[in-house]
PDB file of N, CA and C in Angstrom:
ATOM      1  N   MET A   1      -1.791  36.165  29.586  1.00  0.00           N
ATOM      2  CA  MET A   1      -2.114  35.787  27.936  1.00  0.00           C
ATOM      3  C   MET A   1      -2.813  34.341  28.270  1.00  0.00           C
ATOM      4  N   ARG A   2      -3.780  34.279  27.636  1.00  0.00           N
ATOM      5  CA  ARG A   2      -4.724  33.029  27.687  1.00  0.00           C
ATOM      6  C   ARG A   2      -4.664  32.242  26.530  1.00  0.00           C
ATOM      7  N   THR A   3      -4.517  31.117  26.723  1.00  0.00           N
ATOM      8  CA  THR A   3      -4.298  30.067  25.384  1.00  0.00           C
ATOM      9  C   THR A   3      -5.421  29.234  25.307  1.00  0.00           C
ATOM     10  N   ASN A   4      -6.020  29.144  24.202  1.00  0.00           N
ATOM     11  CA  ASN A   4      -7.228  28.616  23.954  1.00  0.00           C
ATOM     12  C   ASN A   4      -7.052  27.368  23.214  1.00  0.00           C
ATOM     13  N   GLU A   5      -6.186  27.075  22.414  1.00  0.00           N
ATOM     14  CA  GLU A   5      -5.544  25.902  21.939  1.00  0.00           C
ATOM     15  C   GLU A   5      -4.362  26.077  21.503  1.00  0.00           C
ATOM     16  N   ILE A   6      -3.615  25.058  21.276  1.00  0.00           N
ATOM     17  CA  ILE A   6      -2.183  24.594  20.811  1.00  0.00           C
ATOM     18  C   ILE A   6      -2.786  23.847  19.698  1.00  0.00           C
ATOM     19  N   GLU A   7      -2.319  24.507  18.548  1.00  0.00           N
ATOM     20  CA  GLU A   7      -2.245  23.607  16.835  1.00  0.00           C
ATOM     21  C   GLU A   7      -1.802  22.328  17.153  1.00  0.00           C
ATOM     22  N   HIS A   8      -0.569  22.306  17.421  1.00  0.00           N
ATOM     23  CA  HIS A   8      -0.022  21.019  17.515  1.00  0.00           C
ATOM     24  C   HIS A   8       1.563  21.354  17.979  1.00  0.00           C
ATOM     25  N   VAL A   9       2.105  20.430  18.997  1.00  0.00           N
ATOM     26  CA  VAL A   9       3.501  20.327  19.364  1.00  0.00           C
ATOM     27  C   VAL A   9       3.895  19.063  18.840  1.00  0.00           C
ATOM     28  N   GLN A  10       5.216  19.125  18.018  1.00  0.00           N
ATOM     29  CA  GLN A  10       5.596  18.247  17.274  1.00  0.00           C
ATOM     30  C   GLN A  10       6.742  17.683  18.101  1.00  0.00           C
ATOM     31  N   LEU A  11       7.003  16.462  18.882  1.00  0.00           N
ATOM     32  CA  LEU A  11       8.111  16.238  19.803  1.00  0.00           C
ATOM     33  C   LEU A  11       9.189  14.887  19.107  1.00  0.00           C
ATOM     34  N   ALA A  12      10.187  14.845  18.631  1.00  0.00           N
ATOM     35  CA  ALA A  12      11.333  13.815  18.454  1.00  0.00           C
ATOM     36  C   ALA A  12      11.014  12.545  19.455  1.00  0.00           C
ATOM     37  N   MET A  13      11.137  11.228  18.493  1.00  0.00           N
ATOM     38  CA  MET A  13      11.059  10.220  19.647  1.00  0.00           C
ATOM     39  C   MET A  13      12.226   8.872  18.693  1.00  0.00           C
ATOM     40  N   PRO A  14      12.717   8.571  19.104  1.00  0.00           N
ATOM     41  CA  PRO A  14      13.700   7.297  18.752  1.00  0.00           C
ATOM     42  C   PRO A  14      12.744   5.996  17.669  1.00  0.00           C
ATOM     43  N   PRO A  15      13.719   5.716  16.811  1.00  0.00           N
ATOM     44  CA  PRO A  15      12.655   4.752  15.920  1.00  0.00           C
ATOM     45  C   PRO A  15      12.528   3.684  16.617  1.00  0.00           C
ATOM     46  N   GLY A  16      11.610   2.875  16.270  1.00  0.00           N
ATOM     47  CA  GLY A  16      10.800   2.125  17.117  1.00  0.00           C
ATOM     48  C   GLY A  16      10.200   1.919  18.355  1.00  0.00           C
ATOM     49  N   LYS A  17       9.924   3.135  18.963  1.00  0.00           N
ATOM     50  CA  LYS A  17       9.592   3.348  20.107  1.00  0.00           C
ATOM     51  C   LYS A  17       7.871   3.954  20.575  1.00  0.00           C
ATOM     52  N   GLU A  18       7.308   3.565  19.083  1.00  0.00           N
ATOM     53  CA  GLU A  18       5.845   4.035  19.058  1.00  0.00           C
ATOM     54  C   GLU A  18       5.068   2.962  19.866  1.00  0.00           C
ATOM     55  N   SER A  19       5.030   1.814  20.378  1.00  0.00           N
ATOM     56  CA  SER A  19       4.446   1.204  21.253  1.00  0.00           C
ATOM     57  C   SER A  19       4.687   1.777  22.807  1.00  0.00           C
ATOM     58  N   GLU A  20       5.930   1.914  23.291  1.00  0.00           N
ATOM     59  CA  GLU A  20       6.012   2.846  24.531  1.00  0.00           C
ATOM     60  C   GLU A  20       5.297   4.475  24.331  1.00  0.00           C
ATOM     61  N   ALA A  21       5.471   5.059  23.277  1.00  0.00           N
ATOM     62  CA  ALA A  21       4.595   6.466  23.424  1.00  0.00           C
ATOM     63  C   ALA A  21       3.272   6.232  23.504  1.00  0.00           C
ATOM     64  N   ARG A  22       2.306   5.271  22.838  1.00  0.00           N
ATOM     65  CA  ARG A  22       1.121   4.868  23.020  1.00  0.00           C
ATOM     66  C   ARG A  22       0.850   4.325  24.488  1.00  0.00           C
ATOM     67  N   ASN A  23       1.516   3.398  24.936  1.00  0.00           N
ATOM     68  CA  ASN A  23       1.408   3.132  26.504  1.00  0.00           C
ATOM     69  C   ASN A  23       1.475   4.422  27.215  1.00  0.00           C
ATOM     70  N   PHE A  24       2.109   5.395  27.093  1.00  0.00           N
ATOM     71  CA  PHE A  24       2.377   6.779  27.674  1.00  0.00           C
ATOM     72  C   PHE A  24       1.058   7.544  27.446  1.00  0.00           C
ATOM     73  N   TYR A  25       1.063   8.072  26.289  1.00  0.00           N
ATOM     74  CA  TYR A  25       0.392   9.024  25.718  1.00  0.00           C
ATOM     75  C   TYR A  25      -1.534   8.458  26.094  1.00  0.00           C
ATOM     76  N   GLU A  26      -1.408   7.203  25.431  1.00  0.00           N
ATOM     77  CA  GLU A  26      -2.760   6.950  25.410  1.00  0.00           C
ATOM     78  C   GLU A  26      -3.223   6.290  26.880  1.00  0.00           C
ATOM     79  N   GLY A  27      -2.087   5.211  27.126  1.00  0.00           N
ATOM     80  CA  GLY A  27      -2.442   4.539  28.473  1.00  0.00           C
ATOM     81  C   GLY A  27      -2.406   5.595  29.761  1.00  0.00           C
ATOM     82  N   VAL A  28      -1.342   6.171  29.926  1.00  0.00           N
ATOM     83  CA  VAL A  28      -1.370   7.063  31.125  1.00  0.00           C
ATOM     84  C   VAL A  28      -2.012   8.317  31.175  1.00  0.00           C
ATOM     85  N   LEU A  29      -1.725   9.132  29.838  1.00  0.00           N
ATOM     86  CA  LEU A  29      -2.510  10.463  30.078  1.00  0.00           C
ATOM     87  C   LEU A  29      -3.842  10.525  29.473  1.00  0.00           C
ATOM     88  N   GLY A  30      -4.304   9.311  28.534  1.00  0.00           N
ATOM     89  CA  GLY A  30      -5.717   9.219  28.393  1.00  0.00           C
ATOM     90  C   GLY A  30      -5.744   9.976  26.798  1.00  0.00           C
ATOM     91  N   ILE A  31      -4.944  10.507  26.249  1.00  0.00           N
ATOM     92  CA  ILE A  31      -5.055  11.082  24.901  1.00  0.00           C
ATOM     93  C   ILE A  31      -5.184  10.083  23.716  1.00  0.00           C
ATOM     94  N   PRO A  32      -6.056  10.131  22.948  1.00  0.00           N
ATOM     95  CA  PRO A  32      -6.288   8.836  22.075  1.00  0.00           C
ATOM     96  C   PRO A  32      -5.373   9.395  20.737  1.00  0.00           C
ATOM     97  N   GLU A  33      -4.876   7.951  20.372  1.00  0.00           N
ATOM     98  CA  GLU A  33      -3.914   8.225  18.979  1.00  0.00           C
ATOM     99  C   GLU A  33      -4.746   8.284  17.965  1.00  0.00           C
ATOM    100  N   VAL A  34      -4.497   9.279  16.689  1.00  0.00           N
ATOM    101  CA  VAL A  34      -5.361   9.442  15.486  1.00  0.00           C
ATOM    102  C   VAL A  34      -4.251   9.063  14.477  1.00  0.00           C
ATOM    103  N   PRO A  35      -4.968   8.308  13.199  1.00  0.00           N
ATOM    104  CA  PRO A  35      -4.280   8.052  12.115  1.00  0.00           C
ATOM    105  C   PRO A  35      -3.112   9.211  11.475  1.00  0.00           C
ATOM    106  N   LYS A  36      -2.120   8.858  11.443  1.00  0.00           N
ATOM    107  CA  LYS A  36      -1.362   9.887  10.727  1.00  0.00           C
ATOM    108  C   LYS A  36      -1.702   9.855   9.315  1.00  0.00           C
ATOM    109  N   PRO A  37      -1.599  10.821   8.266  1.00  0.00           N
ATOM    110  CA  PRO A  37      -2.061  10.856   6.670  1.00  0.00           C
ATOM    111  C   PRO A  37      -1.033   9.604   6.250  1.00  0.00           C
ATOM    112  N   PRO A  38      -1.357   8.930   5.145  1.00  0.00           N
ATOM    113  CA  PRO A  38      -0.577   7.898   4.973  1.00  0.00           C
ATOM    114  C   PRO A  38       0.930   8.414   4.190  1.00  0.00           C
ATOM    115  N   ASN A  39       0.995   9.422   3.867  1.00  0.00           N
ATOM    116  CA  ASN A  39       2.233   9.906   3.133  1.00  0.00           C
ATOM    117  C   ASN A  39       3.343  10.098   4.611  1.00  0.00           C
ATOM    118  N   LEU A  40       2.808  10.280   5.830  1.00  0.00           N
ATOM    119  CA  LEU A  40       3.807  10.227   6.777  1.00  0.00           C
ATOM    120  C   LEU A  40       3.567   9.377   7.631  1.00  0.00           C
ATOM    121  N   ALA A  41       2.734   8.463   7.626  1.00  0.00           N
ATOM    122  CA  ALA A  41       2.634   7.364   8.398  1.00  0.00           C
ATOM    123  C   ALA A  41       3.785   6.286   8.214  1.00  0.00           C
ATOM    124  N   LYS A  42       4.402   6.310   6.718  1.00  0.00           N
ATOM    125  CA  LYS A  42       5.499   5.639   6.682  1.00  0.00           C
ATOM    126  C   LYS A  42       6.995   6.338   7.253  1.00  0.00           C
ATOM    127  N   ARG A  43       6.807   7.299   7.644  1.00  0.00           N
ATOM    128  CA  ARG A  43       7.904   7.404   8.502  1.00  0.00           C
ATOM    129  C   ARG A  43       8.058   6.868   9.839  1.00  0.00           C
ATOM    130  N   GLY A  44       6.774   6.509  10.420  1.00  0.00           N
ATOM    131  CA  GLY A  44       6.849   6.087  11.920  1.00  0.00           C
ATOM    132  C   GLY A  44       6.634   7.337  12.522  1.00  0.00           C
ATOM    133  N   GLY A  45       6.382   6.712  13.862  1.00  0.00           N
ATOM    134  CA  GLY A  45       5.715   7.919  14.844  1.00  0.00           C
ATOM    135  C   GLY A  45       4.482   7.955  15.121  1.00  0.00           C
ATOM    136  N   CYS A  46       3.930   8.735  16.027  1.00  0.00           N
ATOM    137  CA  CYS A  46       2.221   8.812  16.287  1.00  0.00           C
ATOM    138  C   CYS A  46       2.125  10.161  16.329  1.00  0.00           C
ATOM    139  N   TRP A  47       0.496  10.077  16.264  1.00  0.00           N
ATOM    140  CA  TRP A  47      -0.135  11.315  16.447  1.00  0.00           C
ATOM    141  C   TRP A  47      -1.040  11.136  17.388  1.00  0.00           C
ATOM    142  N   PHE A  48      -1.270  12.138  18.624  1.00  0.00           N
ATOM    143  CA  PHE A  48      -2.257  11.938  19.643  1.00  0.00           C
ATOM    144  C   PHE A  48      -3.323  13.370  19.934  1.00  0.00           C
ATOM    145  N   VAL A  49      -4.766  12.872  19.975  1.00  0.00           N
ATOM    146  CA  VAL A  49      -5.259  14.203  19.925  1.00  0.00           C
ATOM    147  C   VAL A  49      -6.344  14.036  21.003  1.00  0.00           C
ATOM    148  N   ARG A  50      -6.944  15.130  21.456  1.00  0.00           N
ATOM    149  CA  ARG A  50      -7.661  15.190  22.556  1.00  0.00           C
ATOM    150  C   ARG A  50      -8.523  16.721  22.795  1.00  0.00           C
ATOM    151  N   ASP A  51      -9.434  16.794  21.977  1.00  0.00           N
ATOM    152  CA  ASP A  51     -10.016  18.223  21.822  1.00  0.00           C
ATOM    153  C   ASP A  51      -8.735  19.004  21.143  1.00  0.00           C
ATOM    154  N   ALA A  52      -8.663  20.139  21.730  1.00  0.00           N
ATOM    155  CA  ALA A  52      -7.690  21.189  21.371  1.00  0.00           C
ATOM    156  C   ALA A  52      -6.308  20.871  21.659  1.00  0.00           C
ATOM    157  N   LEU A  53      -5.869  19.762  22.317  1.00  0.00           N
ATOM    158  CA  LEU A  53      -4.551  19.323  22.397  1.00  0.00           C
ATOM    159  C   LEU A  53      -4.044  18.257  21.447  1.00  0.00           C
ATOM    160  N   LYS A  54      -3.191  18.694  20.558  1.00  0.00           N
ATOM    161  CA  LYS A  54      -3.052  17.789  19.869  1.00  0.00           C
ATOM    162  C   LYS A  54      -0.903  17.204  19.608  1.00  0.00           C
ATOM    163  N   ILE A  55      -0.546  16.393  19.976  1.00  0.00           N
ATOM    164  CA  ILE A  55       0.566  15.937  19.789  1.00  0.00           C
ATOM    165  C   ILE A  55       1.128  15.152  18.742  1.00  0.00           C
ATOM    166  N   HIS A  56       2.285  15.389  17.933  1.00  0.00           N
ATOM    167  CA  HIS A  56       2.899  14.855  17.167  1.00  0.00           C
ATOM    168  C   HIS A  56       4.134  14.370  17.196  1.00  0.00           C
ATOM    169  N   LEU A  57       4.384  13.083  17.388  1.00  0.00           N
ATOM    170  CA  LEU A  57       5.886  12.327  17.460  1.00  0.00           C
ATOM    171  C   LEU A  57       6.176  11.977  16.396  1.00  0.00           C
ATOM    172  N   GLY A  58       7.306  12.508  15.794  1.00  0.00           N
ATOM    173  CA  GLY A  58       8.344  12.318  14.598  1.00  0.00           C
ATOM    174  C   GLY A  58       9.441  10.915  15.112  1.00  0.00           C
ATOM    175  N   VAL A  59       9.646  10.136  14.379  1.00  0.00           N
ATOM    176  CA  VAL A  59      10.908   9.474  14.286  1.00  0.00           C
ATOM    177  C   VAL A  59      12.261  10.113  14.134  1.00  0.00           C
ATOM    178  N   GLU A  60      13.203  10.332  14.767  1.00  0.00           N
ATOM    179  CA  GLU A  60      14.628  11.013  14.568  1.00  0.00           C
ATOM    180  C   GLU A  60      15.532   9.747  14.823  1.00  0.00           C
ATOM    181  N   ASN A  61      16.683   9.758  13.727  1.00  0.00           N
ATOM    182  CA  ASN A  61      17.722   8.968  13.748  1.00  0.00           C
ATOM    183  C   ASN A  61      18.523   9.226  14.753  1.00  0.00           C
ATOM    184  N   GLY A  62      18.567   9.667  15.966  1.00  0.00           N
ATOM    185  CA  GLY A  62      19.538  10.138  16.802  1.00  0.00           C
ATOM    186  C   GLY A  62      20.600  11.368  16.508  1.00  0.00           C
ATOM    187  N   SER A  63      20.454  12.065  15.696  1.00  0.00           N
ATOM    188  CA  SER A  63      21.264  12.869  15.665  1.00  0.00           C
ATOM    189  C   SER A  63      21.001  14.155  16.750  1.00  0.00           C
ATOM    190  N   SER A  64      21.909  15.036  16.969  1.00  0.00           N
ATOM    191  CA  SER A  64      22.293  15.671  18.203  1.00  0.00           C
ATOM    192  C   SER A  64      20.915  16.741  18.147  1.00  0.00           C
ATOM    193  N   ARG A  65      20.219  17.456  17.214  1.00  0.00           N
ATOM    194  CA  ARG A  65      19.360  18.356  17.124  1.00  0.00           C
ATOM    195  C   ARG A  65      18.548  17.405  16.490  1.00  0.00           C
ATOM    196  N   PRO A  66      17.128  17.433  17.061  1.00  0.00           N
ATOM    197  CA  PRO A  66      15.985  16.735  16.131  1.00  0.00           C
ATOM    198  C   PRO A  66      15.777  17.877  15.106  1.00  0.00           C
ATOM    199  N   GLN A  67      15.302  17.154  14.010  1.00  0.00           N
ATOM    200  CA  GLN A  67      15.247  17.983  12.604  1.00  0.00           C
ATOM    201  C   GLN A  67      13.681  18.544  12.538  1.00  0.00           C
ATOM    202  N   SER A  68      12.856  17.159  12.727  1.00  0.00           N
ATOM    203  CA  SER A  68      11.499  17.431  12.768  1.00  0.00           C
ATOM    204  C   SER A  68      10.676  17.948  13.952  1.00  0.00           C
ATOM    205  N   THR A  69      11.078  19.051  14.417  1.00  0.00           N
ATOM    206  CA  THR A  69      10.622  19.184  15.612  1.00  0.00           C
ATOM    207  C   THR A  69       9.767  20.431  15.523  1.00  0.00           C
ATOM    208  N   ASP A  70       9.018  21.040  15.927  1.00  0.00           N
ATOM    209  CA  ASP A  70       8.496  22.463  15.527  1.00  0.00           C
ATOM    210  C   ASP A  70       7.180  22.675  16.837  1.00  0.00           C
ATOM    211  N   GLU A  71       7.349  24.159  17.021  1.00  0.00           N
ATOM    212  CA  GLU A  71       6.883  24.753  18.066  1.00  0.00           C
ATOM    213  C   GLU A  71       5.099  24.436  18.136  1.00  0.00           C
ATOM    214  N   GLY A  72       4.557  24.367  17.076  1.00  0.00           N
ATOM    215  CA  GLY A  72       3.008  24.596  16.807  1.00  0.00           C
ATOM    216  C   GLY A  72       2.690  26.368  16.637  1.00  0.00           C
ATOM    217  N   ARG A  73       1.470  26.097  16.693  1.00  0.00           N
ATOM    218  CA  ARG A  73       0.882  27.617  16.517  1.00  0.00           C
ATOM    219  C   ARG A  73       0.183  27.666  18.117  1.00  0.00           C
ATOM    220  N   TRP A  74       0.081  28.905  18.656  1.00  0.00           N
ATOM    221  CA  TRP A  74      -0.612  29.215  20.021  1.00  0.00           C
ATOM    222  C   TRP A  74      -1.917  29.782  19.191  1.00  0.00           C
ATOM    223  N   LEU A  75      -3.007  29.683  19.565  1.00  0.00           N
ATOM    224  CA  LEU A  75      -4.307  30.127  19.193  1.00  0.00           C
ATOM    225  C   LEU A  75      -5.031  30.551  20.338  1.00  0.00           C
TER     226      LEU A  75
END
């Protein structure tokens, strides 16, 4: 199976760790951060996009199973 694009992958992150996420995704992996829509930005987290690669990090409160993760869409 050949994959052309991953629409997005959403991963859970702990509250207050946006700076560490930026250091890793932008600094280490070289994936630029893009602004989240205003209605979602108030929840925290970060979005990173480079070409067809889209990674969304959503803040979770530490529950045993993350509530906001999804697998995106394979295109």
